[in-house]
N, C-alpha and C. Protein backbone atom coordinates (compact mmCIF):
# COMPACT_ATOMS: atom_id res chain seq x y z
N MET A 1 70.96 -22.30 -17.27
CA MET A 1 72.25 -21.99 -18.14
C MET A 1 72.36 -20.18 -18.03
N LYS A 2 70.36 -20.33 -18.74
CA LYS A 2 70.49 -19.55 -19.34
C LYS A 2 70.04 -18.67 -18.50
N ARG A 3 70.35 -18.58 -17.36
CA ARG A 3 70.01 -17.46 -15.88
C ARG A 3 71.36 -16.55 -15.97
N LEU A 4 72.46 -17.21 -15.69
CA LEU A 4 73.47 -17.69 -16.13
C LEU A 4 74.41 -16.49 -16.42
N ALA A 5 73.99 -16.90 -18.40
CA ALA A 5 74.42 -16.32 -18.35
C ALA A 5 73.39 -14.41 -18.64
N ALA A 6 72.24 -14.43 -18.57
CA ALA A 6 71.96 -12.91 -18.67
C ALA A 6 72.98 -12.52 -17.75
N ILE A 7 72.31 -13.19 -16.10
CA ILE A 7 73.56 -12.19 -14.67
C ILE A 7 74.68 -11.95 -15.59
N LEU A 8 75.46 -12.70 -15.84
CA LEU A 8 77.24 -11.98 -17.20
C LEU A 8 77.11 -11.00 -17.96
N PHE A 9 76.06 -11.18 -18.73
CA PHE A 9 75.25 -9.81 -19.96
C PHE A 9 75.23 -8.27 -19.00
N MET A 10 74.67 -8.44 -17.89
CA MET A 10 74.21 -7.46 -17.23
C MET A 10 75.56 -6.76 -16.37
N VAL A 11 75.78 -7.55 -16.01
CA VAL A 11 77.41 -7.07 -15.32
C VAL A 11 78.75 -6.51 -16.27
N THR A 12 78.36 -7.24 -17.13
CA THR A 12 79.57 -6.88 -18.25
C THR A 12 78.72 -4.82 -18.24
N LEU A 13 77.26 -4.87 -18.85
CA LEU A 13 77.06 -3.80 -19.47
C LEU A 13 77.25 -2.39 -18.07
N LEU A 14 76.35 -3.34 -16.88
CA LEU A 14 77.21 -2.31 -15.44
C LEU A 14 78.27 -2.06 -15.22
N CYS A 15 79.00 -2.68 -15.52
CA CYS A 15 80.35 -2.69 -15.22
C CYS A 15 81.07 -1.34 -16.64
N GLY A 16 80.64 -2.03 -17.60
CA GLY A 16 81.58 -1.11 -18.25
C GLY A 16 82.78 -1.54 -19.05
N CYS A 17 82.76 -2.04 -20.19
CA CYS A 17 84.08 -3.02 -20.75
C CYS A 17 84.90 -1.70 -21.89
N GLU A 18 84.88 -0.63 -21.54
CA GLU A 18 85.54 0.22 -22.11
C GLU A 18 87.05 0.32 -21.92
N LYS A 19 87.41 0.17 -23.12
CA LYS A 19 89.69 0.15 -22.73
C LYS A 19 89.65 2.20 -22.59
N ILE A 20 90.45 2.23 -21.99
CA ILE A 20 91.44 3.37 -21.84
C ILE A 20 92.28 3.24 -21.78
N PHE A 21 92.76 2.56 -22.45
CA PHE A 21 94.63 2.41 -23.06
C PHE A 21 94.94 1.55 -24.10
N THR A 22 94.96 1.61 -25.19
CA THR A 22 94.73 -0.11 -26.24
C THR A 22 95.66 0.00 -27.32
N PRO A 23 96.75 -0.64 -27.10
CA PRO A 23 96.84 -1.50 -26.84
C PRO A 23 96.69 -2.18 -25.63
N SER A 24 96.35 -2.85 -24.78
CA SER A 24 96.93 -3.51 -23.16
C SER A 24 98.07 -3.97 -23.28
N LYS A 25 98.63 -4.15 -23.99
CA LYS A 25 100.66 -3.98 -23.74
C LYS A 25 101.51 -4.12 -25.38
N ILE A 26 101.84 -3.49 -24.05
CA ILE A 26 103.36 -2.77 -25.46
C ILE A 26 104.78 -3.50 -25.38
N THR A 27 105.97 -3.24 -26.00
CA THR A 27 107.52 -4.20 -25.35
C THR A 27 107.55 -2.71 -25.60
N MET A 28 108.64 -2.13 -25.39
CA MET A 28 109.48 -1.04 -26.20
C MET A 28 110.90 -1.80 -25.60
N SER A 29 111.97 -1.07 -26.43
CA SER A 29 113.49 -1.02 -25.93
C SER A 29 114.25 0.22 -24.66
N PRO A 30 115.25 -0.19 -24.84
CA PRO A 30 115.34 1.32 -23.55
C PRO A 30 115.28 2.30 -24.11
N MET A 31 115.46 3.63 -24.36
CA MET A 31 115.18 5.21 -24.13
C MET A 31 114.01 4.93 -25.69
N GLU A 32 112.94 4.88 -25.72
CA GLU A 32 112.01 4.54 -26.36
C GLU A 32 111.24 5.86 -26.40
N THR A 33 110.38 5.66 -26.75
CA THR A 33 109.08 6.59 -26.75
C THR A 33 107.89 6.22 -28.14
N ARG A 34 106.46 6.22 -27.20
CA ARG A 34 105.53 5.39 -28.00
C ARG A 34 104.06 6.53 -28.31
N ILE A 35 103.72 6.54 -28.11
CA ILE A 35 102.20 7.53 -28.48
C ILE A 35 101.19 6.49 -28.33
N VAL A 36 100.69 6.36 -27.40
CA VAL A 36 98.91 5.31 -27.24
C VAL A 36 97.63 7.03 -27.35
N GLU A 37 97.27 6.84 -28.46
CA GLU A 37 96.48 7.29 -28.27
C GLU A 37 94.39 7.32 -27.88
N THR A 38 93.93 7.79 -26.47
CA THR A 38 92.87 7.36 -25.81
C THR A 38 91.57 8.68 -26.78
N THR A 39 90.31 8.01 -26.37
CA THR A 39 89.67 8.91 -26.14
C THR A 39 88.47 9.28 -25.20
N ILE A 40 89.89 8.04 -24.25
CA ILE A 40 88.78 8.55 -22.64
C ILE A 40 90.23 9.42 -22.23
N GLN A 41 89.59 9.96 -21.22
CA GLN A 41 90.20 10.61 -20.28
C GLN A 41 90.29 9.86 -18.73
N PRO A 42 91.38 9.30 -18.17
CA PRO A 42 91.17 9.23 -17.22
C PRO A 42 92.08 10.52 -16.81
N GLN A 43 91.28 9.79 -14.79
CA GLN A 43 91.66 11.50 -14.28
C GLN A 43 92.76 11.18 -12.85
N THR A 44 92.80 10.13 -13.37
CA THR A 44 94.00 9.44 -12.52
C THR A 44 94.87 8.90 -13.28
N LEU A 45 96.14 8.50 -13.41
CA LEU A 45 97.42 8.00 -13.79
C LEU A 45 98.58 7.78 -12.43
N PHE A 46 98.75 6.04 -13.11
CA PHE A 46 100.25 5.24 -11.80
C PHE A 46 100.47 4.47 -12.76
N ILE A 47 101.66 4.19 -12.15
CA ILE A 47 102.79 3.07 -13.02
C ILE A 47 102.28 2.48 -11.56
N SER A 48 102.97 0.79 -11.30
CA SER A 48 103.12 -0.03 -10.68
C SER A 48 104.06 -1.24 -11.85
N ASP A 49 104.12 -2.30 -10.31
CA ASP A 49 104.87 -3.78 -11.18
C ASP A 49 103.78 -4.64 -10.59
N TYR A 50 103.56 -5.89 -10.16
CA TYR A 50 103.74 -6.30 -10.39
C TYR A 50 103.01 -6.90 -8.93
N ASP A 51 103.70 -6.60 -8.19
CA ASP A 51 103.48 -6.29 -6.84
C ASP A 51 102.77 -4.81 -6.25
N GLY A 52 102.57 -4.40 -6.35
CA GLY A 52 101.66 -3.09 -6.38
C GLY A 52 101.96 -1.91 -6.26
N ASN A 53 103.97 -2.12 -5.79
CA ASN A 53 104.10 -1.41 -5.75
C ASN A 53 104.51 -0.52 -6.63
N GLY A 54 104.57 1.61 -6.48
CA GLY A 54 105.25 1.95 -7.39
C GLY A 54 104.27 3.44 -6.83
N THR A 55 103.67 3.92 -7.99
CA THR A 55 103.72 6.04 -7.43
C THR A 55 101.94 5.38 -6.87
N GLU A 56 102.10 6.64 -5.92
CA GLU A 56 100.95 7.03 -5.71
C GLU A 56 99.85 7.57 -7.10
N PRO A 57 98.56 7.80 -7.59
CA PRO A 57 97.61 8.51 -8.53
C PRO A 57 98.06 9.72 -8.30
N VAL A 58 98.70 10.46 -9.48
CA VAL A 58 98.17 11.32 -9.95
C VAL A 58 97.27 12.21 -10.27
N VAL A 59 97.01 13.56 -10.23
CA VAL A 59 95.92 14.02 -10.93
C VAL A 59 95.78 14.63 -11.64
N LEU A 60 94.65 14.29 -12.98
CA LEU A 60 95.13 16.49 -13.36
C LEU A 60 95.35 17.40 -12.87
N ASP A 61 96.54 17.71 -13.59
CA ASP A 61 96.87 19.44 -13.40
C ASP A 61 95.92 19.90 -14.58
N GLU A 62 94.45 20.44 -14.19
CA GLU A 62 93.43 21.36 -14.61
C GLU A 62 93.94 22.47 -15.14
N GLU A 63 95.26 23.25 -14.78
CA GLU A 63 95.59 24.17 -15.97
C GLU A 63 96.76 24.09 -16.85
N THR A 64 96.79 23.10 -16.73
CA THR A 64 97.71 22.53 -18.54
C THR A 64 96.72 21.09 -18.88
N GLN A 65 95.99 20.92 -18.49
CA GLN A 65 95.22 19.44 -18.64
C GLN A 65 96.14 18.53 -18.65
N SER A 66 97.27 18.35 -18.01
CA SER A 66 98.46 17.03 -17.96
C SER A 66 98.25 16.93 -17.04
N TYR A 67 99.31 15.74 -17.03
CA TYR A 67 99.44 14.78 -15.53
C TYR A 67 100.97 14.10 -16.05
N THR A 68 101.52 13.91 -15.05
CA THR A 68 103.16 12.76 -15.62
C THR A 68 103.06 12.22 -14.37
N VAL A 69 103.91 11.08 -14.81
CA VAL A 69 104.87 10.28 -13.57
C VAL A 69 105.22 9.43 -13.85
N THR A 70 106.51 9.33 -12.89
CA THR A 70 107.80 7.86 -13.10
C THR A 70 107.16 7.17 -12.70
N TYR A 71 108.19 6.20 -12.34
CA TYR A 71 108.25 4.79 -11.95
C TYR A 71 109.57 3.63 -12.18
N GLN A 72 110.68 3.50 -11.36
CA GLN A 72 111.36 2.29 -12.19
C GLN A 72 112.16 3.30 -13.47
N TRP A 73 112.55 2.09 -14.36
CA TRP A 73 112.39 3.21 -15.79
C TRP A 73 111.63 3.39 -17.26
N LEU A 74 110.38 3.48 -16.72
CA LEU A 74 109.03 4.69 -17.13
C LEU A 74 108.52 5.74 -16.59
N THR A 75 108.34 6.02 -18.11
CA THR A 75 107.63 7.47 -17.06
C THR A 75 106.61 8.29 -18.41
N ALA A 76 105.05 7.88 -17.70
CA ALA A 76 104.29 7.85 -18.65
C ALA A 76 103.44 9.67 -17.98
N SER A 77 102.49 10.05 -19.51
CA SER A 77 102.09 11.74 -19.56
C SER A 77 101.02 11.79 -20.95
N ILE A 78 99.74 12.41 -19.77
CA ILE A 78 98.83 12.34 -20.19
C ILE A 78 98.22 13.43 -20.53
N SER A 79 98.56 13.20 -21.97
CA SER A 79 97.37 14.61 -21.85
C SER A 79 96.44 15.13 -23.65
N LEU A 80 95.67 16.27 -23.09
CA LEU A 80 94.64 16.65 -24.92
C LEU A 80 95.57 17.43 -25.79
N SER A 81 95.25 15.70 -26.48
CA SER A 81 95.94 15.99 -28.35
C SER A 81 95.14 16.41 -29.45
N SER A 82 93.83 16.19 -29.07
CA SER A 82 93.27 17.28 -30.75
C SER A 82 91.87 17.26 -29.71
N TYR A 83 91.10 18.13 -30.92
CA TYR A 83 89.63 17.92 -30.46
C TYR A 83 88.81 17.94 -32.53
N ASN A 84 88.21 17.34 -32.81
CA ASN A 84 87.66 16.85 -33.83
C ASN A 84 85.86 16.08 -34.26
N GLU A 85 84.75 16.77 -34.63
CA GLU A 85 84.07 16.37 -33.91
C GLU A 85 83.01 16.15 -32.81
N ALA A 86 83.64 16.16 -32.12
CA ALA A 86 83.31 16.59 -31.35
C ALA A 86 83.77 16.03 -30.24
N THR A 87 85.00 14.98 -30.28
CA THR A 87 85.38 14.01 -29.42
C THR A 87 86.73 14.80 -29.53
N TYR A 88 87.29 13.89 -27.84
CA TYR A 88 88.31 14.59 -27.70
C TYR A 88 88.98 13.45 -28.12
N THR A 89 90.78 13.16 -27.88
CA THR A 89 91.92 12.75 -28.75
C THR A 89 92.33 13.32 -27.57
N TYR A 90 93.15 12.03 -26.21
CA TYR A 90 94.56 12.40 -25.53
C TYR A 90 95.86 11.48 -25.66
N GLU A 91 96.60 11.86 -26.27
CA GLU A 91 97.86 11.35 -25.77
C GLU A 91 98.79 10.59 -24.82
N LEU A 92 99.40 10.01 -24.78
CA LEU A 92 99.57 8.93 -23.45
C LEU A 92 100.61 8.59 -23.72
N VAL A 93 101.73 9.33 -23.68
CA VAL A 93 102.93 9.49 -23.74
C VAL A 93 103.63 8.57 -23.12
N LEU A 94 104.26 7.02 -23.60
CA LEU A 94 105.41 6.45 -22.68
C LEU A 94 107.10 6.76 -23.30
N THR A 95 107.94 6.80 -22.26
CA THR A 95 109.20 6.58 -21.87
C THR A 95 110.64 6.03 -21.23
N SER A 96 110.59 5.44 -22.81
CA SER A 96 111.17 4.16 -21.25
C SER A 96 112.37 5.04 -21.03
N GLY A 97 113.75 4.19 -20.06
CA GLY A 97 114.88 4.14 -19.38
C GLY A 97 115.80 3.69 -19.88
N VAL A 98 116.58 3.29 -18.78
CA VAL A 98 117.18 2.56 -19.36
C VAL A 98 116.94 1.18 -17.79
N ARG A 99 116.55 -0.08 -17.95
CA ARG A 99 115.81 -0.85 -16.60
C ARG A 99 117.16 -0.78 -15.48
N SER A 100 117.74 -0.69 -14.36
CA SER A 100 118.81 -1.70 -13.56
C SER A 100 118.12 -2.31 -12.99
N GLU A 101 119.48 -3.34 -12.01
CA GLU A 101 119.21 -4.97 -12.28
C GLU A 101 117.97 -5.09 -10.59
N ASN A 102 117.85 -3.78 -9.93
CA ASN A 102 116.83 -4.63 -9.05
C ASN A 102 115.06 -4.25 -10.63
N ASP A 103 115.28 -3.40 -11.26
CA ASP A 103 113.98 -3.40 -11.67
C ASP A 103 112.96 -4.15 -12.60
N GLU A 104 111.49 -4.43 -12.44
CA GLU A 104 110.91 -5.14 -12.90
C GLU A 104 111.26 -5.03 -14.38
N TRP A 105 110.58 -6.38 -15.46
CA TRP A 105 110.86 -6.26 -17.02
C TRP A 105 109.55 -5.44 -16.85
N THR A 106 108.20 -5.44 -16.43
CA THR A 106 107.32 -5.71 -16.65
C THR A 106 106.05 -3.87 -15.40
N LEU A 107 106.29 -3.05 -15.91
CA LEU A 107 105.51 -2.62 -15.62
C LEU A 107 104.08 -1.72 -15.60
N TYR A 108 103.11 -1.93 -15.02
CA TYR A 108 101.62 -1.52 -15.43
C TYR A 108 101.99 0.12 -15.34
N VAL A 109 100.76 0.27 -15.93
CA VAL A 109 100.32 1.58 -16.28
C VAL A 109 99.28 1.47 -16.39
N GLY A 110 98.15 2.67 -15.18
CA GLY A 110 96.63 1.79 -14.97
C GLY A 110 96.86 3.45 -15.16
N GLY A 111 95.01 3.27 -14.55
CA GLY A 111 94.04 5.03 -15.53
C GLY A 111 92.48 4.15 -14.87
N VAL A 112 91.86 5.66 -13.93
CA VAL A 112 91.09 5.83 -14.31
C VAL A 112 90.26 6.59 -14.11
N ASP A 113 89.19 6.12 -14.11
CA ASP A 113 87.89 7.85 -14.81
C ASP A 113 86.52 7.52 -14.32
N LYS A 114 85.59 8.45 -14.06
CA LYS A 114 84.27 8.90 -13.29
C LYS A 114 83.03 6.91 -13.86
N ASP A 115 83.98 6.42 -15.05
CA ASP A 115 82.94 4.94 -15.44
C ASP A 115 83.81 3.43 -15.83
N TYR A 116 84.70 3.95 -15.99
CA TYR A 116 86.31 2.79 -15.64
C TYR A 116 87.35 3.04 -15.67
N GLN A 117 87.86 1.59 -14.77
CA GLN A 117 89.28 1.39 -14.41
C GLN A 117 89.70 0.55 -15.91
N ASP A 118 91.37 0.78 -16.18
CA ASP A 118 92.44 0.20 -16.75
C ASP A 118 93.52 0.91 -17.25
N SER A 119 94.49 -0.87 -17.25
CA SER A 119 95.93 -0.99 -17.27
C SER A 119 96.07 -1.59 -18.58
N MET A 120 97.99 -0.91 -17.99
CA MET A 120 98.12 -1.33 -19.55
C MET A 120 99.67 -2.18 -19.28
N ASP A 121 99.92 -3.06 -19.83
CA ASP A 121 101.51 -3.51 -19.08
C ASP A 121 102.46 -3.09 -20.50
N VAL A 122 103.32 -2.80 -20.12
CA VAL A 122 104.56 -2.56 -20.28
C VAL A 122 105.55 -2.76 -19.57
N SER A 123 105.85 -3.82 -21.33
CA SER A 123 107.44 -4.51 -21.21
C SER A 123 108.54 -4.37 -21.76
N LEU A 124 109.88 -4.89 -20.74
CA LEU A 124 111.32 -4.22 -21.75
C LEU A 124 111.56 -5.08 -21.93
N ARG A 125 112.04 -5.46 -22.91
CA ARG A 125 112.91 -5.70 -23.28
C ARG A 125 114.49 -6.27 -22.91
């Protein structure tokens, strides 16, 4: 049992458990904008549904230091917000639209950087 616990601990350390997006779930009303701050800048950003359908990962635009992706009723955009005491803060701006009849109720905003992969559930009321 101790050996299993040690193995699980090492896997956790190697995989990294830092989250890019906090909170991991958000519920939005139609036509609402929410801002989520993060200190980890993902190198890609994408939106998908439960079945994995969605956008291709968008790569950071080096010139503007931002990127935007839209799928169904959700638009996600991330850019540098501030630099304070050797820490960069990035803003993920989520904007919901109106859900069409065939759109999913919950979409997943995902991001990947060199050390982490994370996603956030975004639901529409």
